[in-house]
Structures are given as structure tokens and as C-alpha cells.
């Protein structure tokens, strides 16, 4: 009889343990929340999404060596209609591209090869761009990420403005006169 009682007691104990174990398996539910958004930031320029930054006029004699720079010219990039800040998207990134074939470095834009009325473009200079306050760190024009992050806000109508400086910079010891225009394309990345 002892063996029979032990088997019944053991079976009842196992059954009680299993029901307690089953209750622990369903102790709570994890709810995942979030949102998938369409990219929405728009650059607010002085002509739609485009802007023009006059860099000024300088004599060739200013550029006496490689790396000589003209005066810093401040400009801003403003974004409107951006999504609201979230844990998954605290900021957007700006990336930059432009032609750097003649300068030979990815942080110095070529000046225009376009000519007007028989004039040739300037030689030996390019256009350098940096974040305001970080003027020794030139922005690369190769689409690299991580250079400029623009924090998003919790207000719907906020305009997000980032300040920059641009200037001419010589990449040869001799600079030749001519028009010195350059174009930089700005892209917005959401990640």
C-alpha cells in the first residue's frame, strides 16, 4: 500500500507543479509599438529648395601658397516639415556631394568650368565648407554619413537650421583668375 500511496502522491505533486509552471509561461504580454513614416523634411532655400551663397571677389595675390583661404562666408541650411523626434528617429543627417576631380581631394569643390564671353574659370582654387564653429574640419563632398546630424524636435511647425561657413581655398601655389562658381548637392538621410 505504501508504494501505491507514494505513486499517487507523486503523481498529484507532479500535476500541481505542472499547472503552476503553465501559469508562469503566460505571465505577461509584450506590446511592440512604433511607426513607419515617409521621409518628409524639405530644404527651405532662398529660391525653393536652392540657395545661392556669394563668396566675394578676391585677387590672385591673396593665395600665396597651398591651403590659403578667403574670408569665411556664413550660410544656413534650413529644414521644414520634418517628422517629430522619436526614440527611433532622434535626428536626420545631411550628406553632401559635388565635383572634386580638379582639386583632387574630397573636401574641396571644383570651381566651374563654365565660361562666359570667352573667359576661363579660375584655376588652383576650390570651395571649402565647414560647420560653423568647426572650421578646421572641412565637410567631404562624397556623400559620407555622420558629418552633420540635425536634431528633430517635438514641435510640428519648427524650422531646423544648421549654420555653415564657406570660402575659397587654394590647392596649388599659383592661382589663376576667372569665374569661381561651384555647386554642392545636399541630401537628407533618415536613420
N, C-alpha and C. Protein backbone atom coordinates (compact mmCIF):
# COMPACT_ATOMS: atom_id res chain seq x y z
N UNK A 1 0.80 -1.18 0.00
CA UNK A 1 0.00 0.00 0.00
C UNK A 1 0.86 1.26 0.00
N UNK A 2 1.97 1.19 0.62
CA UNK A 2 2.89 2.32 0.68
C UNK A 2 3.36 2.74 -0.70
N UNK A 3 3.67 1.76 -1.49
CA UNK A 3 4.15 2.07 -2.83
C UNK A 3 3.04 2.73 -3.63
N UNK A 4 1.83 2.21 -3.50
CA UNK A 4 0.69 2.77 -4.22
C UNK A 4 0.42 4.22 -3.77
N UNK A 5 0.46 4.49 -2.50
CA UNK A 5 0.25 5.84 -1.98
C UNK A 5 1.36 6.78 -2.46
N UNK A 6 2.57 6.28 -2.48
CA UNK A 6 3.70 7.10 -2.95
C UNK A 6 3.55 7.47 -4.43
N UNK A 7 3.08 6.53 -5.23
CA UNK A 7 2.89 6.79 -6.66
C UNK A 7 1.79 7.81 -6.86
N UNK A 8 0.66 7.66 -6.12
CA UNK A 8 -0.45 8.60 -6.24
C UNK A 8 -0.02 9.98 -5.74
N UNK A 9 0.67 10.04 -4.63
CA UNK A 9 1.14 11.32 -4.10
C UNK A 9 2.11 11.99 -5.06
N UNK A 10 3.00 11.20 -5.62
CA UNK A 10 3.98 11.74 -6.58
C UNK A 10 3.28 12.27 -7.82
N UNK A 11 2.27 11.55 -8.27
CA UNK A 11 1.53 11.98 -9.47
C UNK A 11 0.78 13.28 -9.20
N UNK A 12 0.14 13.40 -8.04
CA UNK A 12 -0.58 14.61 -7.68
C UNK A 12 0.38 15.80 -7.55
N UNK A 13 1.52 15.55 -6.96
CA UNK A 13 2.53 16.61 -6.81
C UNK A 13 3.03 17.07 -8.18
N UNK A 14 3.27 16.17 -9.09
CA UNK A 14 3.72 16.50 -10.45
C UNK A 14 2.66 17.29 -11.18
N UNK A 15 1.39 16.90 -11.03
CA UNK A 15 0.29 17.61 -11.66
C UNK A 15 0.18 19.03 -11.13
N UNK A 16 0.31 19.22 -9.83
CA UNK A 16 0.25 20.55 -9.20
C UNK A 16 1.42 21.41 -9.68
N UNK A 17 2.59 20.83 -9.82
CA UNK A 17 3.76 21.57 -10.28
C UNK A 17 3.59 22.02 -11.73
N UNK A 18 3.02 21.16 -12.56
CA UNK A 18 2.83 21.49 -13.97
C UNK A 18 1.83 22.62 -14.14
N UNK A 19 0.78 22.66 -13.36
CA UNK A 19 -0.20 23.73 -13.50
C UNK A 19 0.41 25.05 -13.05
N UNK A 20 1.25 25.04 -12.03
CA UNK A 20 1.96 26.25 -11.60
C UNK A 20 2.96 26.69 -12.65
N UNK A 21 3.62 25.76 -13.28
CA UNK A 21 4.59 26.07 -14.33
C UNK A 21 3.90 26.66 -15.55
N UNK A 22 2.73 26.14 -15.90
CA UNK A 22 1.98 26.64 -17.05
C UNK A 22 1.54 28.07 -16.82
N UNK A 23 1.17 28.43 -15.59
CA UNK A 23 0.75 29.79 -15.29
C UNK A 23 1.92 30.76 -15.45
N UNK A 24 3.13 30.35 -15.14
CA UNK A 24 4.30 31.21 -15.29
C UNK A 24 4.66 31.41 -16.76
N UNK A 25 4.34 30.49 -17.60
CA UNK A 25 4.65 30.61 -19.03
C UNK A 25 3.85 31.74 -19.67
N UNK A 26 2.67 32.08 -19.17
CA UNK A 26 1.82 33.12 -19.73
C UNK A 26 1.64 34.26 -18.72
N UNK A 27 2.74 34.73 -18.15
CA UNK A 27 2.66 35.72 -17.09
C UNK A 27 2.47 37.15 -17.61
N UNK A 28 2.70 37.41 -18.86
CA UNK A 28 2.54 38.77 -19.38
C UNK A 28 2.63 38.80 -20.89
N UNK A 29 2.35 39.97 -21.45
CA UNK A 29 2.40 40.17 -22.90
C UNK A 29 3.27 41.37 -23.20
N UNK A 30 4.08 41.26 -24.19
CA UNK A 30 4.92 42.37 -24.65
C UNK A 30 4.23 43.00 -25.86
N UNK A 31 3.98 44.30 -25.80
CA UNK A 31 3.36 45.03 -26.90
C UNK A 31 4.45 45.86 -27.59
N UNK A 32 4.59 45.70 -28.86
CA UNK A 32 5.56 46.47 -29.64
C UNK A 32 4.82 47.61 -30.34
N UNK A 33 5.33 48.82 -30.20
CA UNK A 33 4.69 49.97 -30.83
C UNK A 33 5.71 50.73 -31.65
N UNK A 34 5.26 51.53 -32.56
CA UNK A 34 6.15 52.32 -33.40
C UNK A 34 5.40 52.82 -34.60
N UNK A 35 6.13 53.32 -35.55
CA UNK A 35 5.50 53.88 -36.74
C UNK A 35 6.51 53.86 -37.87
N UNK A 36 6.04 53.63 -39.05
CA UNK A 36 6.85 53.73 -40.26
C UNK A 36 6.40 55.01 -40.96
N UNK A 37 7.34 55.89 -41.27
CA UNK A 37 6.98 57.19 -41.84
C UNK A 37 7.55 57.38 -43.24
N UNK A 38 6.96 58.25 -43.96
CA UNK A 38 7.51 58.70 -45.24
C UNK A 38 8.51 59.81 -44.95
N UNK A 39 9.66 59.84 -45.62
CA UNK A 39 10.57 60.97 -45.45
C UNK A 39 9.83 62.26 -45.80
N UNK A 40 10.02 63.29 -44.97
CA UNK A 40 9.21 64.48 -45.19
C UNK A 40 9.96 65.80 -45.13
N UNK A 41 11.18 65.84 -44.60
CA UNK A 41 11.90 67.11 -44.50
C UNK A 41 12.09 67.74 -45.87
N UNK A 42 11.96 69.05 -45.92
CA UNK A 42 12.16 69.80 -47.15
C UNK A 42 13.16 70.91 -46.86
N UNK A 43 14.13 71.09 -47.74
CA UNK A 43 15.07 72.20 -47.58
C UNK A 43 14.36 73.49 -47.97
N UNK A 44 14.47 74.48 -47.10
CA UNK A 44 13.87 75.79 -47.37
C UNK A 44 15.00 76.73 -47.79
N UNK A 45 15.15 76.91 -49.09
CA UNK A 45 16.20 77.77 -49.62
C UNK A 45 15.69 79.15 -49.96
N UNK A 46 16.55 79.97 -50.54
CA UNK A 46 16.12 81.32 -50.93
C UNK A 46 15.42 81.32 -52.29
N UNK A 47 15.45 80.17 -52.99
CA UNK A 47 14.75 80.01 -54.26
C UNK A 47 14.21 78.58 -54.30
N UNK A 48 13.11 78.36 -53.59
CA UNK A 48 12.59 77.00 -53.46
C UNK A 48 13.49 76.20 -52.55
N UNK A 49 14.04 75.10 -53.07
CA UNK A 49 14.97 74.29 -52.27
C UNK A 49 16.42 74.66 -52.55
N UNK A 50 16.66 75.59 -53.45
CA UNK A 50 18.02 76.02 -53.79
C UNK A 50 18.38 77.33 -53.10
N UNK A 51 19.67 77.52 -52.87
CA UNK A 51 20.18 78.77 -52.30
C UNK A 51 21.45 79.17 -53.03
N UNK A 52 21.73 80.47 -53.02
CA UNK A 52 22.97 80.99 -53.60
C UNK A 52 23.74 81.71 -52.50
N UNK A 53 25.03 81.39 -52.40
CA UNK A 53 25.90 82.00 -51.39
C UNK A 53 27.01 82.74 -52.12
N UNK A 54 26.98 84.09 -52.13
CA UNK A 54 28.05 84.86 -52.76
C UNK A 54 29.32 84.80 -51.92
N UNK A 55 30.40 84.29 -52.49
CA UNK A 55 31.66 84.17 -51.75
C UNK A 55 32.55 85.40 -51.87
N UNK A 56 32.25 86.28 -52.80
CA UNK A 56 33.03 87.51 -52.93
C UNK A 56 34.06 87.45 -54.04
N UNK A 57 34.80 88.55 -54.16
CA UNK A 57 35.82 88.69 -55.19
C UNK A 57 37.17 88.89 -54.50
N UNK A 58 38.17 88.13 -54.93
CA UNK A 58 39.50 88.19 -54.30
C UNK A 58 40.57 88.25 -55.38
N UNK A 59 41.69 88.92 -55.10
CA UNK A 59 42.80 88.95 -56.05
C UNK A 59 43.60 87.64 -55.98
N UNK A 60 44.22 87.28 -57.09
CA UNK A 60 45.06 86.07 -57.10
C UNK A 60 46.20 86.19 -56.10
N UNK A 61 46.62 87.42 -55.80
CA UNK A 61 47.75 87.62 -54.88
C UNK A 61 47.43 87.20 -53.44
N UNK A 62 46.15 87.03 -53.10
CA UNK A 62 45.80 86.54 -51.76
C UNK A 62 46.30 85.12 -51.55
N UNK A 63 46.26 84.33 -52.59
CA UNK A 63 46.56 82.91 -52.49
C UNK A 63 48.05 82.68 -52.77
N UNK A 64 48.85 82.84 -51.73
CA UNK A 64 50.31 82.78 -51.86
C UNK A 64 50.89 81.38 -51.69
N UNK A 65 50.06 80.42 -51.27
CA UNK A 65 50.55 79.07 -51.03
C UNK A 65 49.36 78.11 -51.04
N UNK A 66 49.65 76.84 -50.97
CA UNK A 66 48.60 75.82 -50.89
C UNK A 66 47.90 75.96 -49.54
N UNK A 67 46.57 75.91 -49.55
CA UNK A 67 45.81 75.95 -48.31
C UNK A 67 45.42 77.33 -47.82
N UNK A 68 45.74 78.38 -48.59
CA UNK A 68 45.33 79.74 -48.19
C UNK A 68 43.83 79.88 -48.45
N UNK A 69 43.14 80.48 -47.48
CA UNK A 69 41.68 80.61 -47.58
C UNK A 69 41.25 82.06 -47.64
N UNK A 70 40.14 82.29 -48.32
CA UNK A 70 39.50 83.60 -48.33
C UNK A 70 38.67 83.75 -47.05
N UNK A 71 38.01 84.86 -46.90
CA UNK A 71 37.18 85.13 -45.73
C UNK A 71 36.03 84.13 -45.63
N UNK A 72 35.73 83.71 -44.40
CA UNK A 72 34.59 82.80 -44.18
C UNK A 72 33.29 83.52 -44.48
N UNK A 73 32.42 82.85 -45.22
CA UNK A 73 31.11 83.40 -45.55
C UNK A 73 30.05 82.49 -44.91
N UNK A 74 29.30 83.02 -43.93
CA UNK A 74 28.29 82.18 -43.28
C UNK A 74 27.07 81.94 -44.17
N UNK A 75 26.51 80.74 -44.04
CA UNK A 75 25.23 80.42 -44.68
C UNK A 75 24.55 79.35 -43.86
N UNK A 76 23.27 79.15 -44.10
CA UNK A 76 22.48 78.18 -43.33
C UNK A 76 21.75 77.23 -44.25
N UNK A 77 21.49 76.04 -43.74
CA UNK A 77 20.59 75.10 -44.38
C UNK A 77 19.43 74.91 -43.42
N UNK A 78 18.22 75.23 -43.89
CA UNK A 78 17.02 75.13 -43.06
C UNK A 78 16.12 74.02 -43.58
N UNK A 79 15.59 73.23 -42.65
CA UNK A 79 14.68 72.15 -42.98
C UNK A 79 13.31 72.45 -42.38
N UNK A 80 12.28 72.20 -43.15
CA UNK A 80 10.91 72.36 -42.65
C UNK A 80 10.13 71.09 -42.92
N UNK A 81 8.98 70.97 -42.28
CA UNK A 81 8.07 69.83 -42.45
C UNK A 81 8.71 68.49 -42.08
N UNK A 82 9.64 68.51 -41.13
CA UNK A 82 10.30 67.27 -40.71
C UNK A 82 9.40 66.47 -39.77
N UNK A 83 9.66 65.16 -39.66
CA UNK A 83 8.90 64.37 -38.69
C UNK A 83 9.27 64.79 -37.26
N UNK A 84 8.41 64.44 -36.33
CA UNK A 84 8.69 64.74 -34.93
C UNK A 84 9.75 63.79 -34.39
N UNK A 85 10.48 64.26 -33.40
CA UNK A 85 11.52 63.46 -32.74
C UNK A 85 10.89 62.22 -32.11
N UNK A 86 11.57 61.09 -32.24
CA UNK A 86 11.11 59.85 -31.61
C UNK A 86 12.33 59.06 -31.18
N UNK A 87 12.09 58.00 -30.38
CA UNK A 87 13.21 57.15 -29.96
C UNK A 87 13.90 56.53 -31.16
N UNK A 88 13.13 56.17 -32.18
CA UNK A 88 13.70 55.54 -33.37
C UNK A 88 14.31 56.52 -34.34
N UNK A 89 13.93 57.80 -34.25
CA UNK A 89 14.44 58.81 -35.16
C UNK A 89 14.66 60.13 -34.40
N UNK A 90 15.79 60.24 -33.66
CA UNK A 90 16.05 61.47 -32.90
C UNK A 90 16.58 62.61 -33.77
N UNK A 91 17.12 62.27 -34.94
CA UNK A 91 17.71 63.28 -35.81
C UNK A 91 17.71 62.78 -37.26
N UNK A 92 17.99 63.70 -38.18
CA UNK A 92 18.23 63.34 -39.57
C UNK A 92 19.67 63.75 -39.88
N UNK A 93 20.21 63.19 -40.94
CA UNK A 93 21.57 63.52 -41.34
C UNK A 93 21.55 64.27 -42.66
N UNK A 94 22.51 65.17 -42.81
CA UNK A 94 22.73 65.82 -44.10
C UNK A 94 23.99 65.21 -44.70
N UNK A 95 23.93 64.87 -45.97
CA UNK A 95 25.12 64.43 -46.70
C UNK A 95 25.32 65.37 -47.88
N UNK A 96 26.54 65.42 -48.37
CA UNK A 96 26.91 66.41 -49.38
C UNK A 96 27.68 65.75 -50.51
N UNK A 97 27.35 66.15 -51.74
CA UNK A 97 28.11 65.68 -52.89
C UNK A 97 28.40 66.86 -53.81
N UNK A 98 29.45 66.71 -54.57
CA UNK A 98 29.86 67.73 -55.54
C UNK A 98 31.09 67.25 -56.27
N UNK A 99 31.44 67.93 -57.33
CA UNK A 99 32.58 67.53 -58.14
C UNK A 99 33.88 67.99 -57.49
N UNK A 100 34.81 67.04 -57.34
CA UNK A 100 36.11 67.33 -56.72
C UNK A 100 37.27 66.80 -57.57
N UNK A 101 37.01 66.58 -58.83
CA UNK A 101 38.00 65.97 -59.71
C UNK A 101 39.25 66.84 -59.86
N UNK A 102 39.09 68.13 -60.09
CA UNK A 102 40.23 69.01 -60.31
C UNK A 102 41.03 69.27 -59.04
N UNK A 103 40.33 69.43 -57.91
CA UNK A 103 41.04 69.71 -56.66
C UNK A 103 41.79 68.49 -56.16
N UNK A 104 41.29 67.31 -56.48
CA UNK A 104 41.97 66.08 -56.09
C UNK A 104 41.73 65.65 -54.66
N UNK A 105 40.88 66.38 -53.92
CA UNK A 105 40.55 66.00 -52.55
C UNK A 105 39.03 66.05 -52.38
N UNK A 106 38.50 65.19 -51.51
CA UNK A 106 37.04 65.08 -51.41
C UNK A 106 36.40 66.18 -50.57
N UNK A 107 37.18 67.10 -50.01
CA UNK A 107 36.59 68.17 -49.21
C UNK A 107 36.78 69.56 -49.82
N UNK A 108 37.02 69.58 -51.12
CA UNK A 108 37.22 70.86 -51.81
C UNK A 108 36.56 70.78 -53.19
N UNK A 109 35.46 71.55 -53.35
CA UNK A 109 34.70 71.52 -54.60
C UNK A 109 35.46 72.19 -55.75
N UNK A 110 35.38 71.59 -56.92
CA UNK A 110 35.91 72.23 -58.13
C UNK A 110 35.13 73.49 -58.41
N UNK A 111 35.82 74.53 -58.89
CA UNK A 111 35.09 75.69 -59.39
C UNK A 111 34.68 75.41 -60.82
N UNK A 112 33.66 76.11 -61.27
CA UNK A 112 33.03 75.85 -62.54
C UNK A 112 33.98 75.90 -63.73
N UNK A 113 33.78 75.00 -64.66
CA UNK A 113 34.49 75.04 -65.93
C UNK A 113 33.74 75.92 -66.92
N UNK A 114 32.52 76.33 -66.55
CA UNK A 114 31.71 77.16 -67.44
C UNK A 114 32.39 78.51 -67.64
N UNK A 115 32.30 79.01 -68.83
CA UNK A 115 32.89 80.32 -69.12
C UNK A 115 31.85 81.22 -69.74
N UNK A 116 32.05 82.50 -69.58
CA UNK A 116 31.15 83.47 -70.20
C UNK A 116 31.98 84.43 -71.04
N UNK A 117 31.54 84.69 -72.23
CA UNK A 117 32.18 85.66 -73.13
C UNK A 117 33.69 85.45 -73.25
N UNK A 118 34.09 84.19 -73.42
CA UNK A 118 35.50 83.91 -73.67
C UNK A 118 36.38 83.84 -72.45
N UNK A 119 35.85 84.01 -71.24
CA UNK A 119 36.69 83.91 -70.04
C UNK A 119 36.78 82.45 -69.60
N UNK A 120 37.87 82.08 -68.98
CA UNK A 120 38.03 80.72 -68.47
C UNK A 120 37.89 80.73 -66.95
N UNK A 121 37.49 79.61 -66.40
CA UNK A 121 37.29 79.51 -64.96
C UNK A 121 38.61 79.66 -64.23
N UNK A 122 38.54 80.11 -62.98
CA UNK A 122 39.73 80.23 -62.14
C UNK A 122 40.39 78.87 -61.98
N UNK A 123 41.68 78.88 -61.79
CA UNK A 123 42.45 77.64 -61.60
C UNK A 123 43.19 77.70 -60.27
N UNK A 124 43.31 76.56 -59.62
CA UNK A 124 44.10 76.48 -58.40
C UNK A 124 43.33 76.72 -57.11
N UNK A 125 42.03 77.00 -57.21
CA UNK A 125 41.20 77.17 -56.00
C UNK A 125 39.97 76.29 -56.08
N UNK A 126 39.44 75.99 -54.91
CA UNK A 126 38.18 75.27 -54.81
C UNK A 126 37.37 75.90 -53.70
N UNK A 127 36.18 75.37 -53.47
CA UNK A 127 35.30 75.88 -52.43
C UNK A 127 35.27 74.86 -51.28
N UNK A 128 35.57 75.35 -50.07
CA UNK A 128 35.56 74.53 -48.86
C UNK A 128 34.36 74.92 -48.00
N UNK A 129 33.76 73.93 -47.35
CA UNK A 129 32.59 74.15 -46.49
C UNK A 129 32.84 73.47 -45.15
N UNK A 130 32.41 74.12 -44.07
CA UNK A 130 32.54 73.55 -42.72
C UNK A 130 31.33 73.96 -41.89
N UNK A 131 31.08 73.19 -40.84
CA UNK A 131 30.08 73.59 -39.87
C UNK A 131 30.58 74.83 -39.15
N UNK A 132 29.69 75.74 -38.84
CA UNK A 132 30.07 76.94 -38.09
C UNK A 132 30.65 76.53 -36.74
N UNK A 133 31.80 77.09 -36.42
CA UNK A 133 32.46 76.77 -35.16
C UNK A 133 33.39 75.58 -35.26
N UNK A 134 33.38 74.87 -36.39
CA UNK A 134 34.27 73.73 -36.60
C UNK A 134 34.99 73.92 -37.93
N UNK A 135 35.56 75.11 -38.11
CA UNK A 135 36.06 75.50 -39.42
C UNK A 135 37.34 74.79 -39.86
N UNK A 136 38.00 74.08 -38.95
CA UNK A 136 39.17 73.32 -39.38
C UNK A 136 38.79 71.93 -39.89
N UNK A 137 37.52 71.53 -39.67
CA UNK A 137 37.02 70.23 -40.14
C UNK A 137 36.17 70.46 -41.38
N UNK A 138 36.78 70.31 -42.54
CA UNK A 138 36.05 70.53 -43.78
C UNK A 138 35.12 69.35 -44.08
N UNK A 139 33.95 69.68 -44.59
CA UNK A 139 32.96 68.66 -44.95
C UNK A 139 33.38 68.00 -46.25
N UNK A 140 33.26 66.67 -46.28
CA UNK A 140 33.60 65.95 -47.51
C UNK A 140 32.39 65.95 -48.45
N UNK A 141 32.69 65.96 -49.72
CA UNK A 141 31.66 66.05 -50.77
C UNK A 141 31.46 64.71 -51.47
N UNK A 142 31.59 63.63 -50.70
CA UNK A 142 31.49 62.28 -51.26
C UNK A 142 30.27 61.51 -50.76
N UNK A 143 29.31 62.21 -50.14
CA UNK A 143 28.11 61.56 -49.65
C UNK A 143 28.29 60.84 -48.33
N UNK A 144 29.41 61.08 -47.64
CA UNK A 144 29.69 60.38 -46.38
C UNK A 144 28.65 60.73 -45.32
N UNK A 145 28.27 59.71 -44.56
CA UNK A 145 27.32 59.92 -43.46
C UNK A 145 28.07 60.29 -42.19
N UNK A 146 27.33 60.78 -41.20
CA UNK A 146 27.90 61.07 -39.89
C UNK A 146 28.56 62.42 -39.75
N UNK A 147 28.55 63.25 -40.80
CA UNK A 147 29.20 64.56 -40.72
C UNK A 147 28.31 65.61 -40.07
N UNK A 148 27.03 65.63 -40.44
CA UNK A 148 26.11 66.63 -39.92
C UNK A 148 24.80 65.95 -39.53
N UNK A 149 24.50 65.97 -38.23
CA UNK A 149 23.23 65.45 -37.73
C UNK A 149 22.39 66.63 -37.26
N UNK A 150 21.14 66.65 -37.68
CA UNK A 150 20.22 67.73 -37.31
C UNK A 150 19.18 67.14 -36.36
N UNK A 151 19.21 67.55 -35.07
CA UNK A 151 18.25 67.01 -34.11
C UNK A 151 16.82 67.42 -34.48
N UNK A 152 15.91 66.46 -34.39
CA UNK A 152 14.49 66.74 -34.61
C UNK A 152 13.89 67.29 -33.32
N UNK A 153 12.72 67.91 -33.41
CA UNK A 153 12.07 68.48 -32.24
C UNK A 153 10.70 67.84 -32.03
N UNK A 154 10.03 68.27 -30.97
CA UNK A 154 8.69 67.77 -30.66
C UNK A 154 7.61 68.74 -31.11
N UNK A 155 7.98 69.79 -31.84
CA UNK A 155 7.01 70.78 -32.30
C UNK A 155 6.79 70.63 -33.80
N UNK A 156 5.55 70.61 -34.21
CA UNK A 156 5.18 70.34 -35.61
C UNK A 156 5.73 71.37 -36.58
N UNK A 157 5.64 72.66 -36.27
CA UNK A 157 5.99 73.70 -37.23
C UNK A 157 7.42 74.22 -37.11
N UNK A 158 8.28 73.54 -36.38
CA UNK A 158 9.66 74.02 -36.20
C UNK A 158 10.43 74.01 -37.52
N UNK A 159 11.26 75.04 -37.70
CA UNK A 159 12.22 75.08 -38.81
C UNK A 159 13.57 74.75 -38.19
N UNK A 160 14.24 73.75 -38.71
CA UNK A 160 15.52 73.31 -38.16
C UNK A 160 16.65 73.91 -38.99
N UNK A 161 17.48 74.73 -38.35
CA UNK A 161 18.53 75.45 -39.07
C UNK A 161 19.90 75.01 -38.59
N UNK A 162 20.79 74.72 -39.54
CA UNK A 162 22.18 74.38 -39.26
C UNK A 162 23.05 75.40 -39.96
N UNK A 163 24.04 75.94 -39.23
CA UNK A 163 24.89 77.00 -39.76
C UNK A 163 26.23 76.46 -40.25
N UNK A 164 26.68 77.02 -41.37
CA UNK A 164 27.91 76.61 -42.03
C UNK A 164 28.75 77.83 -42.39
N UNK A 165 29.97 77.58 -42.83
CA UNK A 165 30.83 78.61 -43.43
C UNK A 165 31.42 78.06 -44.72
N UNK A 166 31.52 78.92 -45.72
CA UNK A 166 32.14 78.55 -47.00
C UNK A 166 33.24 79.55 -47.30
N UNK A 167 34.19 79.14 -48.11
CA UNK A 167 35.28 80.03 -48.53
C UNK A 167 36.04 79.38 -49.67
N UNK A 168 36.83 80.20 -50.38
CA UNK A 168 37.76 79.68 -51.38
C UNK A 168 39.00 79.18 -50.64
N UNK A 169 39.60 78.13 -51.19
CA UNK A 169 40.83 77.59 -50.61
C UNK A 169 41.72 77.17 -51.78
N UNK A 170 42.97 77.59 -51.73
CA UNK A 170 43.89 77.24 -52.82
C UNK A 170 44.41 75.81 -52.65
N UNK A 171 44.57 75.12 -53.78
CA UNK A 171 45.14 73.78 -53.73
C UNK A 171 46.42 73.70 -54.57
N UNK A 172 46.83 74.83 -55.14
CA UNK A 172 48.13 74.94 -55.81
C UNK A 172 48.78 76.24 -55.33
N UNK A 173 50.09 76.38 -55.57
CA UNK A 173 50.78 77.61 -55.15
C UNK A 173 50.44 78.79 -56.03
N UNK A 174 50.03 78.52 -57.26
CA UNK A 174 49.68 79.60 -58.18
C UNK A 174 48.20 79.51 -58.52
N UNK A 175 47.49 80.60 -58.33
CA UNK A 175 46.07 80.66 -58.64
C UNK A 175 45.88 81.59 -59.83
N UNK A 176 45.05 81.15 -60.78
CA UNK A 176 44.78 81.96 -61.97
C UNK A 176 43.37 82.52 -61.89
N UNK A 177 43.20 83.73 -62.38
CA UNK A 177 41.93 84.45 -62.30
C UNK A 177 40.87 83.85 -63.21
N UNK A 178 39.61 84.05 -62.83
CA UNK A 178 38.47 83.62 -63.63
C UNK A 178 37.26 83.40 -62.75
N UNK A 179 36.10 83.12 -63.35
CA UNK A 179 34.90 82.82 -62.56
C UNK A 179 35.17 81.62 -61.65
N UNK A 180 34.62 81.65 -60.44
CA UNK A 180 34.89 80.58 -59.46
C UNK A 180 33.59 80.15 -58.79
N UNK A 181 32.72 79.54 -59.57
CA UNK A 181 31.43 79.06 -59.07
C UNK A 181 31.52 77.56 -58.80
N UNK A 182 30.76 77.08 -57.83
CA UNK A 182 30.72 75.65 -57.53
C UNK A 182 29.31 75.28 -57.06
N UNK A 183 28.96 74.03 -57.23
CA UNK A 183 27.66 73.53 -56.78
C UNK A 183 27.86 72.39 -55.80
N UNK A 184 27.06 72.41 -54.74
CA UNK A 184 27.06 71.35 -53.73
C UNK A 184 25.63 70.84 -53.61
N UNK A 185 25.45 69.53 -53.68
CA UNK A 185 24.13 68.93 -53.52
C UNK A 185 23.98 68.43 -52.09
N UNK A 186 22.85 68.77 -51.47
CA UNK A 186 22.56 68.36 -50.09
C UNK A 186 21.48 67.29 -50.13
N UNK A 187 21.72 66.18 -49.42
CA UNK A 187 20.73 65.12 -49.29
C UNK A 187 20.38 64.93 -47.83
N UNK A 188 19.19 64.40 -47.57
CA UNK A 188 18.72 64.15 -46.21
C UNK A 188 18.54 62.66 -46.03
N UNK A 189 19.13 62.14 -44.95
CA UNK A 189 19.04 60.70 -44.65
C UNK A 189 18.30 60.53 -43.34
N UNK A 190 17.38 59.58 -43.32
CA UNK A 190 16.57 59.30 -42.13
C UNK A 190 17.03 57.98 -41.52
N UNK A 191 17.97 58.06 -40.57
CA UNK A 191 18.38 56.87 -39.80
C UNK A 191 19.27 57.26 -38.66
